C-alpha atoms as a PDB file:
ATOM      1  CA  MET A   1       0.067   0.053   0.011  1.00  0.00           C
ATOM      2  CA  ALA A   2       1.408   3.467  -0.992  1.00  0.00           C
ATOM      3  CA  ARG A   3       2.361   5.832   1.803  1.00  0.00           C
ATOM      4  CA  PRO A   4       0.273   9.136   1.714  1.00  0.00           C
ATOM      5  CA  ARG A   5       2.119  11.888  -0.160  1.00  0.00           C
ATOM      6  CA  ILE A   6       2.769  15.267   1.448  1.00  0.00           C
ATOM      7  CA  ALA A   7       3.125  18.230  -0.884  1.00  0.00           C
ATOM      8  CA  LEU A   8       5.493  20.876   0.662  1.00  0.00           C
ATOM      9  CA  ILE A   9       5.630  24.393  -0.663  1.00  0.00           C
ATOM     10  CA  SER A  10       8.465  26.490   0.588  1.00  0.00           C
ATOM     11  CA  ASN A  11       9.338  30.225   0.456  1.00  0.00           C
ATOM     12  CA  PRO A  12      13.148  30.430   0.537  1.00  0.00           C
ATOM     13  CA  LYS A  13      12.943  34.164   1.474  1.00  0.00           C
ATOM     14  CA  SER A  14      10.909  33.569   4.616  1.00  0.00           C
ATOM     15  CA  THR A  15      13.025  34.621   7.600  1.00  0.00           C
ATOM     16  CA  GLY A  16      12.984  31.283   9.244  1.00  0.00           C
ATOM     17  CA  ASN A  17      13.951  29.496   6.071  1.00  0.00           C
ATOM     18  CA  LEU A  18      17.260  31.604   5.764  1.00  0.00           C
ATOM     19  CA  ALA A  19      18.925  29.031   8.107  1.00  0.00           C
ATOM     20  CA  GLN A  20      16.438  26.057   7.985  1.00  0.00           C
ATOM     21  CA  LEU A  21      15.900  25.498   4.267  1.00  0.00           C
ATOM     22  CA  PRO A  22      19.069  23.427   3.670  1.00  0.00           C
ATOM     23  CA  LEU A  23      17.820  21.065   6.520  1.00  0.00           C
ATOM     24  CA  ILE A  24      14.345  21.030   5.108  1.00  0.00           C
ATOM     25  CA  ARG A  25      15.642  20.067   1.555  1.00  0.00           C
ATOM     26  CA  ALA A  26      17.800  17.316   3.108  1.00  0.00           C
ATOM     27  CA  PHE A  27      14.866  15.975   5.077  1.00  0.00           C
ATOM     28  CA  CYS A  28      12.789  15.861   1.809  1.00  0.00           C
ATOM     29  CA  ALA A  29      15.414  14.206   0.003  1.00  0.00           C
ATOM     30  CA  ASP A  30      15.546  11.370   2.477  1.00  0.00           C
ATOM     31  CA  HIS A  31      11.720  10.987   2.313  1.00  0.00           C
ATOM     32  CA  PRO A  32      10.575  10.418  -1.360  1.00  0.00           C
ATOM     33  CA  ASN A  33       6.899  10.558  -0.235  1.00  0.00           C
ATOM     34  CA  ILE A  34       7.329  14.421   0.253  1.00  0.00           C
ATOM     35  CA  PHE A  35       7.019  16.438  -2.928  1.00  0.00           C
ATOM     36  CA  HIS A  36       8.915  19.686  -2.293  1.00  0.00           C
ATOM     37  CA  TYR A  37       8.190  22.795  -4.535  1.00  0.00           C
ATOM     38  CA  GLU A  38       9.922  26.099  -3.774  1.00  0.00           C
ATOM     39  CA  VAL A  39       8.529  29.640  -4.786  1.00  0.00           C
ATOM     40  CA  GLU A  40      10.295  32.932  -4.474  1.00  0.00           C
ATOM     41  CA  ALA A  41       7.378  35.138  -5.339  1.00  0.00           C
ATOM     42  CA  ALA A  42       3.598  35.242  -4.943  1.00  0.00           C
ATOM     43  CA  ASP A  43       3.046  35.009  -8.774  1.00  0.00           C
ATOM     44  CA  GLN A  44       4.720  31.665  -8.747  1.00  0.00           C
ATOM     45  CA  ILE A  45       2.213  30.078  -6.355  1.00  0.00           C
ATOM     46  CA  GLY A  46      -0.468  29.500  -9.158  1.00  0.00           C
ATOM     47  CA  GLU A  47       1.864  27.314 -11.185  1.00  0.00           C
ATOM     48  CA  ALA A  48       2.997  25.615  -8.010  1.00  0.00           C
ATOM     49  CA  MET A  49      -0.523  24.616  -6.985  1.00  0.00           C
ATOM     50  CA  ARG A  50      -1.294  23.367 -10.623  1.00  0.00           C
ATOM     51  CA  THR A  51       1.740  21.088 -10.369  1.00  0.00           C
ATOM     52  CA  ILE A  52       0.796  20.094  -6.786  1.00  0.00           C
ATOM     53  CA  ALA A  53      -2.690  19.296  -7.751  1.00  0.00           C
ATOM     54  CA  ARG A  54      -1.490  16.574 -10.216  1.00  0.00           C
ATOM     55  CA  ILE A  55      -0.023  14.398  -7.610  1.00  0.00           C
ATOM     56  CA  GLU A  56      -3.267  14.448  -5.432  1.00  0.00           C
ATOM     57  CA  PRO A  57      -1.489  14.938  -2.010  1.00  0.00           C
ATOM     58  CA  ALA A  58      -3.029  13.818   1.267  1.00  0.00           C
ATOM     59  CA  VAL A  59      -1.580  17.079   2.858  1.00  0.00           C
ATOM     60  CA  LEU A  60      -0.570  20.415   1.617  1.00  0.00           C
ATOM     61  CA  ALA A  61       2.162  21.796   3.994  1.00  0.00           C
ATOM     62  CA  ILE A  62       3.369  25.367   3.935  1.00  0.00           C
ATOM     63  CA  ASN A  63       6.807  26.224   4.828  1.00  0.00           C
ATOM     64  CA  GLY A  64       6.844  30.145   5.099  1.00  0.00           C
ATOM     65  CA  GLY A  65       5.566  33.017   7.048  1.00  0.00           C
ATOM     66  CA  ASP A  66       1.956  34.195   7.487  1.00  0.00           C
ATOM     67  CA  GLY A  67       2.218  36.046   4.045  1.00  0.00           C
ATOM     68  CA  THR A  68       3.088  32.850   2.332  1.00  0.00           C
ATOM     69  CA  VAL A  69       0.284  31.051   3.998  1.00  0.00           C
ATOM     70  CA  GLN A  70      -2.094  33.834   2.874  1.00  0.00           C
ATOM     71  CA  ALA A  71      -0.897  33.679  -0.796  1.00  0.00           C
ATOM     72  CA  VAL A  72      -1.438  29.796  -0.912  1.00  0.00           C
ATOM     73  CA  LEU A  73      -4.914  30.076   0.806  1.00  0.00           C
ATOM     74  CA  THR A  74      -5.932  32.682  -1.730  1.00  0.00           C
ATOM     75  CA  GLU A  75      -4.888  30.460  -4.676  1.00  0.00           C
ATOM     76  CA  LEU A  76      -6.638  27.482  -3.162  1.00  0.00           C
ATOM     77  CA  HIS A  77      -9.855  29.671  -2.834  1.00  0.00           C
ATOM     78  CA  ASN A  78      -9.664  31.367  -6.147  1.00  0.00           C
ATOM     79  CA  GLY A  79      -7.761  29.002  -8.468  1.00  0.00           C
ATOM     80  CA  GLY A  80      -9.967  25.791  -8.137  1.00  0.00           C
ATOM     81  CA  HIS A  81      -7.062  23.544  -8.754  1.00  0.00           C
ATOM     82  CA  PHE A  82      -8.306  20.784  -6.594  1.00  0.00           C
ATOM     83  CA  GLY A  83     -12.064  21.078  -7.426  1.00  0.00           C
ATOM     84  CA  SER A  84     -14.278  20.526  -4.424  1.00  0.00           C
ATOM     85  CA  ALA A  85     -11.591  18.316  -2.771  1.00  0.00           C
ATOM     86  CA  ALA A  86      -8.904  20.519  -1.530  1.00  0.00           C
ATOM     87  CA  PRO A  87      -6.380  18.551   0.786  1.00  0.00           C
ATOM     88  CA  PRO A  88      -6.044  19.622   4.344  1.00  0.00           C
ATOM     89  CA  VAL A  89      -3.402  22.225   5.053  1.00  0.00           C
ATOM     90  CA  ALA A  90      -0.542  22.176   7.467  1.00  0.00           C
ATOM     91  CA  VAL A  91       1.620  25.121   8.468  1.00  0.00           C
ATOM     92  CA  LEU A  92       5.177  24.825   9.530  1.00  0.00           C
ATOM     93  CA  PRO A  93       6.645  27.460  12.058  1.00  0.00           C
ATOM     94  CA  SER A  94       9.015  29.333   9.503  1.00  0.00           C
ATOM     95  CA  GLY A  95       8.053  33.073   9.655  1.00  0.00           C
ATOM     96  CA  LYS A  96       8.755  35.995  12.050  1.00  0.00           C
ATOM     97  CA  THR A  97       5.257  36.022  13.753  1.00  0.00           C
ATOM     98  CA  ASN A  98       3.838  32.531  12.849  1.00  0.00           C
ATOM     99  CA  LEU A  99       0.332  33.243  14.338  1.00  0.00           C
ATOM    100  CA  ILE A 100      -1.235  30.780  11.904  1.00  0.00           C
ATOM    101  CA  ALA A 101       1.370  28.076  12.716  1.00  0.00           C
ATOM    102  CA  LEU A 102       0.977  28.751  16.541  1.00  0.00           C
ATOM    103  CA  ASP A 103      -2.908  28.495  16.293  1.00  0.00           C
ATOM    104  CA  LEU A 104      -2.414  24.957  14.691  1.00  0.00           C
ATOM    105  CA  GLY A 105       0.029  23.736  17.327  1.00  0.00           C
ATOM    106  CA  ALA A 106       3.243  24.138  15.334  1.00  0.00           C
ATOM    107  CA  ARG A 107       6.144  25.498  17.369  1.00  0.00           C
ATOM    108  CA  GLY A 108       9.975  25.490  17.346  1.00  0.00           C
ATOM    109  CA  ASP A 109      11.884  23.885  14.755  1.00  0.00           C
ATOM    110  CA  PRO A 110      10.190  23.524  11.175  1.00  0.00           C
ATOM    111  CA  VAL A 111      12.105  20.233  10.419  1.00  0.00           C
ATOM    112  CA  GLU A 112      10.727  18.691  13.628  1.00  0.00           C
ATOM    113  CA  ALA A 113       7.293  19.978  12.761  1.00  0.00           C
ATOM    114  CA  LEU A 114       7.664  18.339   9.309  1.00  0.00           C
ATOM    115  CA  GLU A 115       8.779  15.069  10.903  1.00  0.00           C
ATOM    116  CA  LYS A 116       5.752  15.064  13.255  1.00  0.00           C
ATOM    117  CA  LEU A 117       3.411  15.898  10.170  1.00  0.00           C
ATOM    118  CA  LEU A 118       4.927  12.865   8.316  1.00  0.00           C
ATOM    119  CA  ALA A 119       4.184  10.528  11.252  1.00  0.00           C
ATOM    120  CA  ILE A 120       0.602  12.009  11.509  1.00  0.00           C
ATOM    121  CA  ALA A 121       0.031  11.436   7.771  1.00  0.00           C
ATOM    122  CA  GLN A 122       1.211   7.887   8.030  1.00  0.00           C
ATOM    123  CA  ALA A 123      -0.839   7.019  11.117  1.00  0.00           C
ATOM    124  CA  GLY A 124      -3.994   8.708   9.953  1.00  0.00           C
ATOM    125  CA  LEU A 125      -4.880  12.312   9.516  1.00  0.00           C
ATOM    126  CA  ALA A 126      -8.448  12.094  10.955  1.00  0.00           C
ATOM    127  CA  PRO A 127      -7.845  12.721  14.710  1.00  0.00           C
ATOM    128  CA  HIS A 128      -5.805  15.702  13.795  1.00  0.00           C
ATOM    129  CA  LEU A 129      -8.082  17.444  11.347  1.00  0.00           C
ATOM    130  CA  VAL A 130      -9.794  20.850  12.511  1.00  0.00           C
ATOM    131  CA  ALA A 131     -11.976  23.089  10.448  1.00  0.00           C
ATOM    132  CA  ARG A 132     -11.059  26.846  10.149  1.00  0.00           C
ATOM    133  CA  GLU A 133     -13.229  29.725   9.116  1.00  0.00           C
ATOM    134  CA  LEU A 134     -11.266  32.038   6.705  1.00  0.00           C
ATOM    135  CA  ILE A 135     -11.488  35.672   5.960  1.00  0.00           C
ATOM    136  CA  SER A 136     -12.190  37.092   2.495  1.00  0.00           C
ATOM    137  CA  LEU A 137     -10.878  40.605   1.924  1.00  0.00           C
ATOM    138  CA  SER A 138     -12.045  42.693  -1.075  1.00  0.00           C
ATOM    139  CA  GLY A 139     -12.449  46.245  -2.098  1.00  0.00           C
ATOM    140  CA  GLY A 140     -10.235  49.100  -0.903  1.00  0.00           C
ATOM    141  CA  GLU A 141      -8.570  51.794  -2.956  1.00  0.00           C
ATOM    142  CA  THR A 142      -7.600  49.388  -5.782  1.00  0.00           C
ATOM    143  CA  GLY A 143     -10.601  47.228  -5.816  1.00  0.00           C
ATOM    144  CA  ILE A 144      -8.838  44.212  -4.592  1.00  0.00           C
ATOM    145  CA  THR A 145     -10.156  40.875  -5.754  1.00  0.00           C
ATOM    146  CA  PRO A 146     -10.811  38.400  -2.819  1.00  0.00           C
ATOM    147  CA  VAL A 147      -7.649  37.722  -0.767  1.00  0.00           C
ATOM    148  CA  ILE A 148      -7.966  34.957   1.875  1.00  0.00           C
ATOM    149  CA  GLY A 149      -6.461  35.025   5.409  1.00  0.00           C
ATOM    150  CA  MET A 150      -7.005  34.336   8.999  1.00  0.00           C
ATOM    151  CA  PHE A 151      -5.671  37.503  10.875  1.00  0.00           C
ATOM    152  CA  LEU A 152      -6.222  41.239   9.980  1.00  0.00           C
ATOM    153  CA  GLY A 153      -4.645  44.109  11.983  1.00  0.00           C
ATOM    154  CA  GLY A 154      -5.852  47.732  11.374  1.00  0.00           C
ATOM    155  CA  ALA A 155      -5.787  51.334  12.805  1.00  0.00           C
ATOM    156  CA  GLY A 156      -2.897  51.586  15.397  1.00  0.00           C
ATOM    157  CA  LEU A 157      -2.148  47.911  15.279  1.00  0.00           C
ATOM    158  CA  ALA A 158      -1.406  48.095  11.546  1.00  0.00           C
ATOM    159  CA  ASP A 159       0.946  50.960  12.243  1.00  0.00           C
ATOM    160  CA  ILE A 160       2.639  49.065  15.004  1.00  0.00           C
ATOM    161  CA  MET A 161       3.125  45.896  12.744  1.00  0.00           C
ATOM    162  CA  LEU A 162       4.614  48.142  10.046  1.00  0.00           C
ATOM    163  CA  TYR A 163       6.771  49.850  12.624  1.00  0.00           C
ATOM    164  CA  CYS A 164       8.198  46.623  13.816  1.00  0.00           C
ATOM    165  CA  ARG A 165       8.707  45.257  10.386  1.00  0.00           C
ATOM    166  CA  GLU A 166      10.177  48.446   8.742  1.00  0.00           C
ATOM    167  CA  ARG A 167      12.031  49.975  11.731  1.00  0.00           C
ATOM    168  CA  VAL A 168      12.837  47.246  14.265  1.00  0.00           C
ATOM    169  CA  TYR A 169      13.452  44.048  12.220  1.00  0.00           C
ATOM    170  CA  PRO A 170      16.105  45.643  10.020  1.00  0.00           C
ATOM    171  CA  LEU A 171      18.270  46.122  13.207  1.00  0.00           C
ATOM    172  CA  GLY A 172      18.972  42.292  13.023  1.00  0.00           C
ATOM    173  CA  LEU A 173      18.024  41.562  16.573  1.00  0.00           C
ATOM    174  CA  PRO A 174      16.388  38.396  17.802  1.00  0.00           C
ATOM    175  CA  ASN A 175      12.592  38.269  17.500  1.00  0.00           C
ATOM    176  CA  SER A 176      12.001  38.288  21.158  1.00  0.00           C
ATOM    177  CA  ILE A 177      14.172  41.372  21.600  1.00  0.00           C
ATOM    178  CA  SER A 178      12.582  43.148  18.513  1.00  0.00           C
ATOM    179  CA  HIS A 179       9.146  42.428  19.871  1.00  0.00           C
ATOM    180  CA  PHE A 180      10.163  43.836  23.361  1.00  0.00           C
ATOM    181  CA  ILE A 181      11.561  47.110  21.715  1.00  0.00           C
ATOM    182  CA  THR A 182       8.239  47.347  19.810  1.00  0.00           C
ATOM    183  CA  ALA A 183       6.099  46.822  22.821  1.00  0.00           C
ATOM    184  CA  VAL A 184       8.110  49.650  24.758  1.00  0.00           C
ATOM    185  CA  ALA A 185       7.627  51.956  21.750  1.00  0.00           C
ATOM    186  CA  VAL A 186       3.881  51.257  21.917  1.00  0.00           C
ATOM    187  CA  VAL A 187       3.509  52.031  25.520  1.00  0.00           C
ATOM    188  CA  LEU A 188       5.484  55.225  25.136  1.00  0.00           C
ATOM    189  CA  ARG A 189       3.322  56.371  22.228  1.00  0.00           C
ATOM    190  CA  GLN A 190      -0.032  54.972  23.062  1.00  0.00           C
ATOM    191  CA  VAL A 191      -0.238  55.122  26.757  1.00  0.00           C
ATOM    192  CA  PHE A 192       1.900  58.107  27.656  1.00  0.00           C
ATOM    193  CA  GLY A 193       1.282  60.043  24.548  1.00  0.00           C
ATOM    194  CA  LEU A 194       4.800  60.712  23.726  1.00  0.00           C
ATOM    195  CA  ARG A 195       5.607  61.933  20.130  1.00  0.00           C
ATOM    196  CA  ALA A 196       8.971  61.343  18.361  1.00  0.00           C
ATOM    197  CA  SER A 197      10.081  60.395  14.946  1.00  0.00           C
ATOM    198  CA  PHE A 198      11.423  57.077  16.227  1.00  0.00           C
ATOM    199  CA  LEU A 199       7.893  56.007  17.759  1.00  0.00           C
ATOM    200  CA  PRO A 200       4.920  54.637  15.936  1.00  0.00           C
ATOM    201  CA  PRO A 201       2.683  57.365  14.336  1.00  0.00           C
ATOM    202  CA  GLU A 202      -0.705  58.278  15.696  1.00  0.00           C
ATOM    203  CA  PRO A 203      -3.613  56.361  14.326  1.00  0.00           C
ATOM    204  CA  SER A 204      -5.762  58.022  11.822  1.00  0.00           C
ATOM    205  CA  MET A 205      -9.490  58.365  11.901  1.00  0.00           C
ATOM    206  CA  LEU A 206     -11.155  55.136  10.875  1.00  0.00           C
ATOM    207  CA  SER A 207     -14.772  54.082  10.464  1.00  0.00           C
ATOM    208  CA  VAL A 208     -15.829  50.423  11.000  1.00  0.00           C
ATOM    209  CA  GLN A 209     -19.239  49.034  10.236  1.00  0.00           C
ATOM    210  CA  VAL A 210     -20.001  45.641  11.873  1.00  0.00           C
ATOM    211  CA  ARG A 211     -22.862  43.899  10.254  1.00  0.00           C
ATOM    212  CA  ARG A 212     -25.659  46.419   9.922  1.00  0.00           C
ATOM    213  CA  ASP A 213     -25.443  47.677  13.505  1.00  0.00           C
ATOM    214  CA  GLY A 214     -24.148  51.094  12.501  1.00  0.00           C
ATOM    215  CA  ALA A 215     -20.658  52.390  12.121  1.00  0.00           C
ATOM    216  CA  ILE A 216     -17.973  52.837  14.924  1.00  0.00           C
ATOM    217  CA  THR A 217     -15.885  55.845  14.084  1.00  0.00           C
ATOM    218  CA  GLY A 218     -12.740  56.927  15.797  1.00  0.00           C
ATOM    219  CA  ARG A 219      -9.085  56.544  16.352  1.00  0.00           C
ATOM    220  CA  PHE A 220      -8.379  52.995  17.518  1.00  0.00           C
ATOM    221  CA  ALA A 221      -5.056  52.015  19.100  1.00  0.00           C
ATOM    222  CA  PHE A 222      -5.836  48.347  18.259  1.00  0.00           C
ATOM    223  CA  LEU A 223      -8.213  46.805  15.696  1.00  0.00           C
ATOM    224  CA  PHE A 224      -8.175  43.289  14.544  1.00  0.00           C
ATOM    225  CA  VAL A 225     -10.405  40.760  12.836  1.00  0.00           C
ATOM    226  CA  THR A 226      -9.601  37.138  13.081  1.00  0.00           C
ATOM    227  CA  THR A 227     -10.824  33.544  12.866  1.00  0.00           C
ATOM    228  CA  LEU A 228      -7.858  32.082  14.795  1.00  0.00           C
ATOM    229  CA  GLU A 229      -8.676  30.566  18.132  1.00  0.00           C
ATOM    230  CA  LYS A 230      -5.552  31.781  19.837  1.00  0.00           C
ATOM    231  CA  LEU A 231      -4.993  35.409  19.966  1.00  0.00           C
ATOM    232  CA  LEU A 232      -2.157  37.694  20.997  1.00  0.00           C
ATOM    233  CA  LEU A 233      -3.014  38.439  24.647  1.00  0.00           C
ATOM    234  CA  SER A 234      -5.539  35.779  25.544  1.00  0.00           C
ATOM    235  CA  GLY A 235      -6.526  32.248  24.559  1.00  0.00           C
ATOM    236  CA  GLU A 236     -10.092  33.186  24.265  1.00  0.00           C
ATOM    237  CA  VAL A 237     -12.122  36.327  23.505  1.00  0.00           C
ATOM    238  CA  SER A 238     -15.789  36.307  24.139  1.00  0.00           C
ATOM    239  CA  SER A 239     -17.761  38.183  21.609  1.00  0.00           C
ATOM    240  CA  HIS A 240     -21.157  39.546  21.025  1.00  0.00           C
ATOM    241  CA  GLY A 241     -23.028  38.293  17.896  1.00  0.00           C
ATOM    242  CA  ASN A 242     -22.824  34.947  16.187  1.00  0.00           C
ATOM    243  CA  GLY A 243     -20.917  35.550  13.098  1.00  0.00           C
ATOM    244  CA  PRO A 244     -17.436  33.679  12.243  1.00  0.00           C
ATOM    245  CA  LEU A 245     -15.445  36.902  12.096  1.00  0.00           C
ATOM    246  CA  LYS A 246     -14.034  38.012  15.595  1.00  0.00           C
ATOM    247  CA  PHE A 247     -13.723  41.659  15.680  1.00  0.00           C
ATOM    248  CA  VAL A 248     -11.855  43.719  18.515  1.00  0.00           C
ATOM    249  CA  ALA A 249     -11.351  47.379  18.569  1.00  0.00           C
ATOM    250  CA  VAL A 250      -9.780  49.518  21.267  1.00  0.00           C
ATOM    251  CA  GLU A 251     -10.213  53.333  21.125  1.00  0.00           C
ATOM    252  CA  GLN A 252      -6.991  55.459  21.418  1.00  0.00           C
ATOM    253  CA  LYS A 253      -7.546  56.368  25.066  1.00  0.00           C
ATOM    254  CA  PRO A 254      -5.197  55.287  27.778  1.00  0.00           C
ATOM    255  CA  VAL A 255      -7.896  54.173  30.041  1.00  0.00           C
ATOM    256  CA  SER A 256      -9.560  52.090  27.344  1.00  0.00           C
ATOM    257  CA  MET A 257      -6.268  50.472  26.365  1.00  0.00           C
ATOM    258  CA  LEU A 258      -5.505  49.476  30.041  1.00  0.00           C
ATOM    259  CA  ARG A 259      -9.014  48.195  30.479  1.00  0.00           C
ATOM    260  CA  ALA A 260      -8.638  45.915  27.405  1.00  0.00           C
ATOM    261  CA  PHE A 261      -5.251  44.728  28.427  1.00  0.00           C
ATOM    262  CA  PHE A 262      -6.180  43.760  31.867  1.00  0.00           C
ATOM    263  CA  ALA A 263      -9.450  42.061  30.711  1.00  0.00           C
ATOM    264  CA  SER A 264      -7.442  40.069  28.245  1.00  0.00           C
ATOM    265  CA  LEU A 265      -4.962  38.958  30.876  1.00  0.00           C
ATOM    266  CA  VAL A 266      -7.753  37.513  33.140  1.00  0.00           C
ATOM    267  CA  GLY A 267      -9.689  36.091  30.177  1.00  0.00           C
ATOM    268  CA  ARG A 268     -12.567  38.523  30.464  1.00  0.00           C
ATOM    269  CA  LEU A 269     -12.269  40.505  27.283  1.00  0.00           C
ATOM    270  CA  GLY A 270     -15.669  40.641  25.707  1.00  0.00           C
ATOM    271  CA  ARG A 271     -17.385  39.177  28.796  1.00  0.00           C
ATOM    272  CA  THR A 272     -18.001  42.588  30.273  1.00  0.00           C
ATOM    273  CA  LYS A 273     -18.892  45.758  28.384  1.00  0.00           C
ATOM    274  CA  LEU A 274     -15.997  48.299  28.632  1.00  0.00           C
ATOM    275  CA  ASP A 275     -16.149  51.952  27.568  1.00  0.00           C
ATOM    276  CA  GLY A 276     -14.009  52.279  24.411  1.00  0.00           C
ATOM    277  CA  VAL A 277     -13.588  48.547  23.902  1.00  0.00           C
ATOM    278  CA  HIS A 278     -15.622  47.017  21.035  1.00  0.00           C
ATOM    279  CA  VAL A 279     -15.812  43.039  20.704  1.00  0.00           C
ATOM    280  CA  GLU A 280     -18.121  41.634  18.300  1.00  0.00           C
ATOM    281  CA  GLU A 281     -18.672  38.532  16.075  1.00  0.00           C
ATOM    282  CA  ALA A 282     -19.907  39.387  12.592  1.00  0.00           C
ATOM    283  CA  ASP A 283     -20.479  37.948   9.100  1.00  0.00           C
ATOM    284  CA  GLU A 284     -19.471  41.217   7.290  1.00  0.00           C
ATOM    285  CA  ILE A 285     -17.227  44.097   8.256  1.00  0.00           C
ATOM    286  CA  ALA A 286     -16.494  47.239   6.275  1.00  0.00           C
ATOM    287  CA  ILE A 287     -13.461  49.347   7.259  1.00  0.00           C
ATOM    288  CA  GLU A 288     -13.244  52.855   5.720  1.00  0.00           C
ATOM    289  CA  GLY A 289     -10.681  55.762   6.244  1.00  0.00           C
ATOM    290  CA  ASP A 290      -8.460  58.209   4.585  1.00  0.00           C
ATOM    291  CA  ALA A 291      -5.721  56.051   3.043  1.00  0.00           C
ATOM    292  CA  SER A 292      -5.985  53.793   6.108  1.00  0.00           C
ATOM    293  CA  GLN A 293      -3.761  50.637   6.030  1.00  0.00           C
ATOM    294  CA  VAL A 294      -4.789  47.185   7.195  1.00  0.00           C
ATOM    295  CA  ILE A 295      -2.491  44.077   7.225  1.00  0.00           C
ATOM    296  CA  LEU A 296      -3.872  40.761   6.420  1.00  0.00           C
ATOM    297  CA  ASP A 297      -1.341  37.849   7.400  1.00  0.00           C
ATOM    298  CA  GLY A 298       1.518  40.235   6.650  1.00  0.00           C
ATOM    299  CA  GLU A 299       0.370  41.804   3.415  1.00  0.00           C
ATOM    300  CA  THR A 300      -0.694  45.447   3.349  1.00  0.00           C
ATOM    301  CA  PHE A 301      -4.008  46.849   1.829  1.00  0.00           C
ATOM    302  CA  ARG A 302      -5.477  50.294   1.836  1.00  0.00           C
ATOM    303  CA  ALA A 303      -8.939  51.566   2.483  1.00  0.00           C
ATOM    304  CA  GLY A 304     -10.022  54.993   1.263  1.00  0.00           C
ATOM    305  CA  VAL A 305     -12.875  57.399   1.945  1.00  0.00           C
ATOM    306  CA  GLY A 306     -15.901  55.868  -0.131  1.00  0.00           C
ATOM    307  CA  LYS A 307     -13.618  52.768  -0.954  1.00  0.00           C
ATOM    308  CA  PRO A 308     -14.097  50.586   2.100  1.00  0.00           C
ATOM    309  CA  ILE A 309     -12.469  47.187   2.528  1.00  0.00           C
ATOM    310  CA  LEU A 310     -14.963  44.516   2.936  1.00  0.00           C
ATOM    311  CA  LEU A 311     -14.361  41.483   5.117  1.00  0.00           C
ATOM    312  CA  ARG A 312     -16.597  38.514   4.637  1.00  0.00           C
ATOM    313  CA  PRO A 313     -16.171  34.731   5.736  1.00  0.00           C
ATOM    314  CA  ALA A 314     -14.799  32.511   2.985  1.00  0.00           C
ATOM    315  CA  GLN A 315     -15.370  28.847   2.525  1.00  0.00           C
ATOM    316  CA  PRO A 316     -13.981  26.916   5.535  1.00  0.00           C
ATOM    317  CA  LEU A 317     -10.927  24.710   4.999  1.00  0.00           C
ATOM    318  CA  SER A 318      -9.419  21.806   6.922  1.00  0.00           C
ATOM    319  CA  PHE A 319      -6.245  22.231   8.653  1.00  0.00           C
ATOM    320  CA  VAL A 320      -3.864  19.673  10.394  1.00  0.00           C
ATOM    321  CA  ARG A 321      -3.074  20.377  13.925  1.00  0.00           C
ATOM    322  CA  ILE A 322       0.471  19.521  14.746  1.00  0.00           C
ATOM    323  CA  ALA A 323       0.789  18.613  18.522  1.00  0.00           C
ATOM    324  CA  ALA A 324       3.280  20.871  20.376  1.00  0.00           C
END
């Protein structure tokens, strides 16, 4: 009986792969039931998926950061390469943030994660499969066709993510130190109101419409929409509503930010109504502002006045949970 095949798509430019890719290549060379395909740009993913579809893999594994995962999920959703039978997706921990990989239980060394995935595929995938809702992003200043992801940051959070990527990561420091420096800069800017060229910028005005309940307009220190179970500050966020998209926005007020922070630490975020803190579940969200940026799994998109970014649920997909 033939062993199940794993298709592995790698992005050599992902930060984690700079050191790990030679080991990944060696591991794949020793295991012929792993089909390894490398891409260096998003426009190569369509051809990669067409090729991978021909081998009918039991699992599609992604070795790259959240941006690579987003590009693959988008191609899975829009390309139709697998018809109605897309293989379950596994994500190796290979990027800077790895939010998606962490949500699915993949931590640490990507080679070890791939080894665990191989054992899971050989023993039987069923006990390890989990369904995940996906976010479809469209619209915006350039009329974006649907892009698929799992975590979107906007308002001040998008500014912070860009600040970390563009100002802190280039220093070449370890991720933990880079994130600590970013956190200190955020506290100085957002909580104490300090202004300096080396700190993140002040969030711009933003209007957010959740379902049809009316718009929430203001300056938000943090705004995110996600379908991930594990979030940055707490393992669980309780939301109002019954849609698949979890929406959290915290207004640019020190008291609101502190309330949201402490509520998340004790697992109460969304369970108690807090002034300046908005927690909802929705089936449609519109984000509009003057050249406001949002980041969906590492990729930046812009909303404009009269040109909102629209977020809707996409077709759910099966993922493989890799045990920690």
